[in-house]
Each structure stands twice: as structure tokens, then as C-alpha cells.
């Protein structure tokens, strides 16, 4: 059965540059309409230049789409998969035009964000509607899939990534290690109008409990904050937390970027370079867990979420305290933060 007659799937993501010449135009796209200092943009550009201007996020999305296409038939689904980004090619308006020309009338959107916030939910829905407006009356209708922070397969994939990191610790460190779950910091004004913190805490709790890690051994911390220094953002910052762990005589730390789905720029620079270098300076042994990426359980979860919307006989899956998130967001869900210039970069 196909009660809403979906005829396509749309993967929606942030986008990223794939060569040095792309970096500044990409960042200008990210910052369009925002009052962010030029020096902040140039500082972030240096992160990309460190990797010769190549963000891995686009290739990671290509790999994910390939894996989804291969697994969908196992769920009895045969639909084309399109891909559009917020900030870099393939841009959403171009993809929407392609879909319209292919005769797509209604699509399911999988957004690459597991937790609800303005940046991770509502802004993507706005991007989709703006792209539809650009295309005009022939643009397909697009329904966004629910967030999945407590889907059992998402949790299980993160558990396995954490186990892989723990196995890399020397035997003498496996009893006194600490876990630092990380997510992208957002302005307090944004967090106060959404469930971002609550959902992140639930994801962390579910992963930790699956491995029987007591509450005192793990913490949710944040990374990659931007915006004006005087504007409050979610804390503690990962670098400050690492210094605290050293002061507490932790034997080792495992960093789990649970707020990120793939090893893109914030993970590679902020954790693999900045956090790693600080740990070396502190003489604090560190392992970084992988993101879910194209883990088979994560791919399976994406296909299950698609099946929920396409078929009538699928029961939505969720574990923990809150149950499955709602399918259709209210008009006032995850509103924009009070200060326009404080959105996430």
C-alpha cells in the first residue's frame, strides 16, 4: 500500500565544498542574510583549507544514498532517491527542478539531523518550501520524516561505534575511562524553544545504558560554537571539559560525536585536530568514536523510517522515555532564535 502515493525520496543535507575555490562561496552561502564578522568566516575557512578545501560531507552523502538504494528493495520499496543541499551543490532548488521535470508529485524527505532544533529541523523545512517556490506550481509536495534520536537502530549503531573505540584503549585504561558525548552547540535562545537538549540527553543515556556505563562516567558536552562572544550558547565546551577530566585524573576519554551523523568538518577539525592536540598537551589518552555514517544499522533505520510513511502496516519504532517523534511538525515548531546573527555556522 502507498496511502499518500509517494513517488520519490529526497535526502536533504547541509552541503560542503569539494575544492579550495569552493570554500569562500560556500561559506557566503551559509552566512547569507546574517550579520557575522568577516574574521569569523575567514577563521572557519582555514578549517577547510587545512583539508585542501575538501569537506567529506558530500561524498558521505553519496555513499549513504548508494547504501539506501541497495537496501530499500528489502523493504518492498522501489522509489528513486534524489539529493539536495542547503548550502552547496547539488542545491535544493536545482534538485527540486529535476524532480519536477521527472514528474515527481510527492516525495519523502530524509534530513541528515537526528535531533530537533531550528537549524536541524525547521530551517530545512523552510529550505524545502523556498526551493518549491523557486520551481513553481510543478514542484512536488515534500513531507519530512520524523527525527530519530531514540530509534533503536540509531542507538545500536552508536553503541557499536563506541564499542569499537573502547576496544582501542589499552587494557589498563578500560576501567577508568570517561565518555564525552558531543553535539553542535546552539544559542540558548534557540535551545529554549525546541527539544534539542532533551533529545540529546536521551540519546546519550540510551547509548550509555546499553553498555552499562554509569551516569558519573559520561557527560554531554558541546563543540563548534560560533556567533558573538556575548551571546550565550550551550555549554560546557568539549575543550573545557577535557581540561576538567584531566584535573579529575581520568585515565582516558572516549569522545562520541553523537550529534553528528557523519565525519564531516566539525568532527574532523574540532575533534580530530583541536581536541586531539589538547589531549596530547594534557597527556590525556583519547579515542574518538566513529559516527554512524553508513553503518548497516543506520542505513536500515533510514529505510524503516521511509517504510513508515509509505506503508500502512509499519509500527514506528522508538525506545526510552518519549516514544516516536511526531511525523508532522506544527507551524510554530522549533522557531528561529531571537538574534538572527546567532545561528549555527
Protein backbone atom coordinates (compact mmCIF):
# COMPACT_ATOMS: atom_id res chain seq x y z
CA UNK A 1 0.00 0.00 0.00
CA UNK A 2 1.05 3.57 -0.69
CA UNK A 3 -1.63 5.70 1.02
CA UNK A 4 -0.11 9.08 0.12
CA UNK A 5 1.19 7.97 -3.29
CA UNK A 6 4.80 8.91 -2.70
CA UNK A 7 6.87 8.62 -5.85
CA UNK A 8 10.34 9.72 -4.68
CA UNK A 9 12.70 10.09 -1.73
CA UNK A 10 14.68 13.29 -1.15
CA UNK A 11 17.82 13.31 1.01
CA UNK A 12 18.37 16.84 2.35
CA UNK A 13 21.69 17.88 3.86
CA UNK A 14 23.93 20.84 4.68
CA UNK A 15 26.41 20.55 1.82
CA UNK A 16 30.10 21.33 1.75
CA UNK A 17 32.91 22.48 -0.55
CA UNK A 18 34.91 19.94 -2.53
CA UNK A 19 37.89 22.11 -3.54
CA UNK A 20 39.67 25.22 -2.26
CA UNK A 21 37.91 27.51 -4.72
CA UNK A 22 34.55 26.44 -3.28
CA UNK A 23 35.28 27.39 0.32
CA UNK A 24 34.51 31.13 0.38
CA UNK A 25 31.43 30.90 -1.91
CA UNK A 26 30.18 28.04 0.24
CA UNK A 27 30.65 30.00 3.48
CA UNK A 28 28.98 33.04 1.91
CA UNK A 29 26.00 30.81 1.19
CA UNK A 30 25.97 29.58 4.78
CA UNK A 31 26.13 33.16 6.10
CA UNK A 32 23.73 34.80 3.65
CA UNK A 33 21.46 37.27 5.41
CA UNK A 34 23.41 37.03 8.67
CA UNK A 35 25.49 39.62 10.46
CA UNK A 36 28.60 37.50 11.06
CA UNK A 37 32.02 39.23 11.19
CA UNK A 38 34.31 38.70 8.21
CA UNK A 39 37.08 37.47 10.50
CA UNK A 40 34.83 34.69 11.79
CA UNK A 41 34.18 33.49 8.23
CA UNK A 42 37.87 33.57 7.37
CA UNK A 43 38.72 31.66 10.54
CA UNK A 44 36.28 28.91 9.60
CA UNK A 45 37.68 28.92 6.05
CA UNK A 46 41.06 27.96 7.50
CA UNK A 47 39.48 24.80 8.89
CA UNK A 48 38.56 23.78 5.34
CA UNK A 49 41.92 24.86 3.90
CA UNK A 50 43.58 22.53 6.39
CA UNK A 51 41.99 19.74 4.33
CA UNK A 52 42.72 21.46 0.99
CA UNK A 53 39.19 22.83 0.85
CA UNK A 54 37.51 19.43 0.77
CA UNK A 55 34.68 18.68 3.16
CA UNK A 56 33.87 14.97 3.21
CA UNK A 57 30.15 15.54 3.75
CA UNK A 58 29.14 15.38 0.08
CA UNK A 59 30.92 12.09 -0.55
CA UNK A 60 29.49 10.71 2.66
CA UNK A 61 26.01 11.60 1.42
CA UNK A 62 26.72 9.90 -1.90
CA UNK A 63 27.80 6.78 -0.02
CA UNK A 64 24.70 6.89 2.17
CA UNK A 65 22.42 7.24 -0.85
CA UNK A 66 24.11 4.27 -2.51
CA UNK A 67 23.56 2.19 0.63
CA UNK A 68 19.91 3.29 0.93
CA UNK A 69 19.19 2.44 -2.70
CA UNK A 70 20.66 -1.02 -2.19
CA UNK A 71 18.61 -1.71 0.95
CA UNK A 72 15.19 -0.25 0.01
CA UNK A 73 14.07 -3.24 -2.09
CA UNK A 74 14.39 -5.38 1.04
CA UNK A 75 11.60 -3.25 2.49
CA UNK A 76 9.44 -3.65 -0.59
CA UNK A 77 10.10 -0.08 -1.72
CA UNK A 78 11.11 0.91 -5.23
CA UNK A 79 11.42 4.69 -5.37
CA UNK A 80 14.09 6.96 -6.86
CA UNK A 81 16.36 8.78 -4.40
CA UNK A 82 17.24 12.44 -5.04
CA UNK A 83 19.66 14.64 -3.11
CA UNK A 84 19.64 18.38 -2.42
CA UNK A 85 21.72 20.58 -0.09
CA UNK A 86 21.05 23.77 1.81
CA UNK A 87 24.38 25.45 1.09
CA UNK A 88 26.27 23.77 -1.76
CA UNK A 89 25.77 21.75 -4.90
CA UNK A 90 23.57 19.93 -5.53
CA UNK A 91 21.44 22.79 -4.23
CA UNK A 92 17.83 22.14 -3.26
CA UNK A 93 16.23 24.37 -5.94
CA UNK A 94 18.18 22.56 -8.68
CA UNK A 95 17.17 19.17 -7.29
CA UNK A 96 13.54 20.29 -6.96
CA UNK A 97 13.59 21.36 -10.60
CA UNK A 98 14.98 17.97 -11.60
CA UNK A 99 12.26 16.22 -9.63
CA UNK A 100 9.56 18.36 -11.25
CA UNK A 101 10.92 17.59 -14.72
CA UNK A 102 10.91 13.88 -13.85
CA UNK A 103 7.22 14.11 -12.96
CA UNK A 104 7.62 13.63 -9.19
CA UNK A 105 4.47 14.79 -7.41
CA UNK A 106 5.06 13.88 -3.77
CA UNK A 107 8.32 12.99 -2.04
CA UNK A 108 9.54 11.91 1.39
CA UNK A 109 12.43 13.98 2.76
CA UNK A 110 15.11 12.43 4.96
CA UNK A 111 17.04 15.27 6.63
CA UNK A 112 20.50 14.44 7.94
CA UNK A 113 19.82 15.58 11.52
CA UNK A 114 18.82 13.27 14.35
CA UNK A 115 17.76 15.94 16.88
CA UNK A 116 15.22 18.77 16.73
CA UNK A 117 16.28 22.42 16.57
CA UNK A 118 15.72 25.39 14.30
CA UNK A 119 18.92 24.60 12.38
CA UNK A 120 18.29 20.86 12.24
CA UNK A 121 14.56 20.81 11.54
CA UNK A 122 12.52 23.94 10.83
CA UNK A 123 15.18 25.66 8.73
CA UNK A 124 15.41 22.60 6.47
CA UNK A 125 11.63 22.61 6.06
CA UNK A 126 11.84 26.28 5.13
CA UNK A 127 14.62 25.49 2.64
CA UNK A 128 12.40 22.87 1.02
CA UNK A 129 9.48 25.29 0.72
CA UNK A 130 11.75 28.02 -0.67
CA UNK A 131 13.00 25.56 -3.30
CA UNK A 132 9.41 24.67 -4.18
CA UNK A 133 8.62 28.35 -4.60
CA UNK A 134 11.56 28.78 -6.98
CA UNK A 135 10.35 25.88 -9.13
CA UNK A 136 6.73 26.98 -9.09
CA UNK A 137 3.47 25.11 -9.50
CA UNK A 138 5.10 21.95 -10.87
CA UNK A 139 7.22 21.45 -7.74
CA UNK A 140 6.41 18.26 -5.82
CA UNK A 141 4.97 18.27 -2.32
CA UNK A 142 7.57 17.15 0.21
CA UNK A 143 6.93 15.57 3.63
CA UNK A 144 9.82 15.48 6.13
CA UNK A 145 10.50 12.25 8.03
CA UNK A 146 10.46 12.43 11.85
CA UNK A 147 13.63 12.88 13.89
CA UNK A 148 15.11 9.62 15.10
CA UNK A 149 17.25 10.35 18.16
CA UNK A 150 15.67 7.40 20.02
CA UNK A 151 15.24 4.91 17.19
CA UNK A 152 16.65 1.56 18.36
CA UNK A 153 18.81 1.16 15.24
CA UNK A 154 20.31 4.64 15.62
CA UNK A 155 21.17 3.86 19.23
CA UNK A 156 22.54 0.41 18.37
CA UNK A 157 24.76 1.83 15.60
CA UNK A 158 26.20 4.39 18.05
CA UNK A 159 26.70 1.66 20.65
CA UNK A 160 28.75 -0.35 18.18
CA UNK A 161 30.83 2.69 17.19
CA UNK A 162 31.53 3.35 20.87
CA UNK A 163 32.46 -0.29 21.46
CA UNK A 164 34.94 -0.10 18.58
CA UNK A 165 36.58 2.93 20.20
CA UNK A 166 36.66 1.33 23.64
CA UNK A 167 38.44 -1.72 22.23
CA UNK A 168 41.29 0.55 21.14
CA UNK A 169 42.00 1.59 24.74
CA UNK A 170 44.85 -0.22 26.46
CA UNK A 171 43.64 -2.79 28.97
CA UNK A 172 44.71 -0.68 31.96
CA UNK A 173 42.50 2.23 30.79
CA UNK A 174 39.31 0.25 30.22
CA UNK A 175 38.06 0.59 33.78
CA UNK A 176 38.70 4.28 34.46
CA UNK A 177 37.82 5.91 31.14
CA UNK A 178 35.24 8.66 30.74
CA UNK A 179 32.87 9.25 27.82
CA UNK A 180 32.26 12.71 26.36
CA UNK A 181 29.26 12.76 24.04
CA UNK A 182 29.42 15.82 21.79
CA UNK A 183 26.93 17.77 19.71
CA UNK A 184 27.00 21.09 17.87
CA UNK A 185 26.38 23.92 20.30
CA UNK A 186 23.45 26.21 19.53
CA UNK A 187 22.40 29.56 21.02
CA UNK A 188 20.46 29.42 24.29
CA UNK A 189 17.71 31.38 22.54
CA UNK A 190 17.36 28.50 20.07
CA UNK A 191 17.59 25.71 22.62
CA UNK A 192 14.85 27.24 24.78
CA UNK A 193 12.26 26.83 22.03
CA UNK A 194 12.96 23.23 20.99
CA UNK A 195 13.72 19.78 22.40
CA UNK A 196 17.36 19.66 21.27
CA UNK A 197 18.95 19.25 24.71
CA UNK A 198 16.36 16.77 25.96
CA UNK A 199 16.68 14.61 22.87
CA UNK A 200 20.48 14.66 23.02
CA UNK A 201 20.45 13.68 26.68
CA UNK A 202 18.12 10.80 25.86
CA UNK A 203 20.37 9.56 23.03
CA UNK A 204 23.38 9.68 25.36
CA UNK A 205 21.54 7.91 28.16
CA UNK A 206 20.34 5.12 25.88
CA UNK A 207 23.82 4.50 24.47
CA UNK A 208 25.47 4.58 27.89
CA UNK A 209 22.89 2.29 29.48
CA UNK A 210 23.25 -0.22 26.64
CA UNK A 211 26.90 -0.58 27.68
CA UNK A 212 26.11 -0.34 31.41
CA UNK A 213 28.16 2.83 31.79
CA UNK A 214 27.02 4.63 34.97
CA UNK A 215 25.91 8.26 34.83
CA UNK A 216 29.01 9.53 36.59
CA UNK A 217 31.23 8.23 33.80
CA UNK A 218 29.68 10.14 30.89
CA UNK A 219 28.70 13.71 30.04
CA UNK A 220 27.00 15.56 27.19
CA UNK A 221 29.17 18.47 26.06
CA UNK A 222 29.19 20.78 23.06
CA UNK A 223 31.51 21.88 20.29
CA UNK A 224 31.80 24.18 17.28
CA UNK A 225 30.08 27.21 18.82
CA UNK A 226 30.06 30.40 16.77
CA UNK A 227 28.24 33.72 16.95
CA UNK A 228 29.08 36.72 19.10
CA UNK A 229 31.06 36.01 22.29
CA UNK A 230 28.48 37.91 24.38
CA UNK A 231 25.62 35.64 23.26
CA UNK A 232 25.11 32.57 25.49
CA UNK A 233 25.39 29.17 23.79
CA UNK A 234 25.01 25.65 25.15
CA UNK A 235 27.89 24.54 27.37
CA UNK A 236 30.20 23.03 28.53
CA UNK A 237 32.56 23.18 25.59
CA UNK A 238 34.47 19.99 24.77
CA UNK A 239 37.89 21.63 25.25
CA UNK A 240 36.97 22.93 28.69
CA UNK A 241 35.54 19.54 29.58
CA UNK A 242 38.77 17.79 28.61
CA UNK A 243 40.72 20.03 30.96
CA UNK A 244 38.27 19.18 33.73
CA UNK A 245 38.70 15.47 33.07
CA UNK A 246 42.44 15.85 33.37
CA UNK A 247 42.02 17.67 36.67
CA UNK A 248 39.81 14.81 37.85
CA UNK A 249 42.59 12.36 36.97
CA UNK A 250 40.58 10.48 34.35
CA UNK A 251 42.64 7.64 32.86
CA UNK A 252 41.34 8.23 29.31
CA UNK A 253 38.46 9.78 27.42
CA UNK A 254 36.39 8.47 24.54
CA UNK A 255 34.67 11.20 22.54
CA UNK A 256 31.40 10.20 20.88
CA UNK A 257 30.08 12.79 18.36
CA UNK A 258 26.50 11.64 18.82
CA UNK A 259 25.07 14.89 17.45
CA UNK A 260 26.70 14.27 14.04
CA UNK A 261 25.76 11.61 11.51
CA UNK A 262 29.00 11.62 9.52
CA UNK A 263 32.64 12.56 9.99
CA UNK A 264 32.36 15.99 8.38
CA UNK A 265 34.32 19.18 9.03
CA UNK A 266 33.29 19.89 12.63
CA UNK A 267 34.17 16.34 13.61
CA UNK A 268 37.45 16.27 11.69
CA UNK A 269 38.75 19.68 12.76
CA UNK A 270 37.21 20.32 16.17
CA UNK A 271 37.70 16.79 17.49
CA UNK A 272 40.40 15.07 15.46
CA UNK A 273 42.67 18.11 15.49
CA UNK A 274 41.78 20.60 18.26
CA UNK A 275 40.57 18.11 20.88
CA UNK A 276 43.27 15.58 20.00
CA UNK A 277 46.01 18.20 20.24
CA UNK A 278 44.72 19.37 23.61
CA UNK A 279 44.65 15.79 24.88
CA UNK A 280 48.25 15.36 23.76
CA UNK A 281 49.22 18.53 25.65
CA UNK A 282 47.35 17.30 28.72
CA UNK A 283 48.76 13.79 28.45
CA UNK A 284 45.16 12.55 28.49
CA UNK A 285 44.71 9.43 26.32
CA UNK A 286 41.84 9.94 23.85
CA UNK A 287 39.90 7.82 21.41
CA UNK A 288 37.23 9.23 19.10
CA UNK A 289 34.28 7.01 18.21
CA UNK A 290 33.11 6.98 14.63
CA UNK A 291 29.81 8.50 13.56
CA UNK A 292 27.01 6.28 12.29
CA UNK A 293 27.83 7.18 8.66
CA UNK A 294 26.85 4.18 6.54
CA UNK A 295 26.70 1.70 9.39
CA UNK A 296 24.30 -1.07 8.27
CA UNK A 297 22.02 -0.44 11.23
CA UNK A 298 21.79 3.25 10.40
CA UNK A 299 21.02 2.51 6.76
CA UNK A 300 18.39 0.04 7.93
CA UNK A 301 16.88 2.73 10.15
CA UNK A 302 16.59 5.19 7.26
CA UNK A 303 14.79 2.57 5.20
CA UNK A 304 12.47 1.76 8.12
CA UNK A 305 11.58 5.44 8.51
CA UNK A 306 10.77 5.63 4.81
CA UNK A 307 8.67 2.47 5.08
CA UNK A 308 6.69 4.01 7.96
CA UNK A 309 5.46 6.75 5.62
CA UNK A 310 4.98 4.64 2.52
CA UNK A 311 3.16 1.65 4.01
CA UNK A 312 0.24 1.26 6.42
CA UNK A 313 1.48 -1.88 8.16
CA UNK A 314 4.61 -0.46 9.83
CA UNK A 315 4.65 0.38 13.54
CA UNK A 316 7.02 3.30 14.32
CA UNK A 317 9.97 2.21 16.47
CA UNK A 318 11.40 4.10 19.43
CA UNK A 319 12.96 3.25 22.78
CA UNK A 320 13.40 5.16 26.03
CA UNK A 321 11.14 7.67 27.72
CA UNK A 322 9.49 9.62 24.90
CA UNK A 323 8.23 7.33 22.15
CA UNK A 324 8.36 8.08 18.41
CA UNK A 325 8.60 11.74 17.50
CA UNK A 326 5.68 13.29 15.64
CA UNK A 327 5.55 12.90 11.87
CA UNK A 328 4.30 16.34 11.03
CA UNK A 329 5.73 19.42 12.73
CA UNK A 330 3.42 22.14 13.99
CA UNK A 331 3.66 25.55 12.35
CA UNK A 332 5.41 27.00 15.41
CA UNK A 333 7.79 24.05 15.90
CA UNK A 334 11.47 24.96 16.51
CA UNK A 335 11.17 28.71 15.81
CA UNK A 336 14.15 30.80 14.76
CA UNK A 337 16.32 32.20 17.59
CA UNK A 338 15.74 35.76 18.70
CA UNK A 339 19.03 37.03 17.24
CA UNK A 340 19.34 36.42 13.51
CA UNK A 341 23.13 36.62 13.56
CA UNK A 342 23.45 33.87 16.19
CA UNK A 343 22.50 30.89 14.04
CA UNK A 344 24.87 27.97 13.72
CA UNK A 345 27.89 28.18 11.44
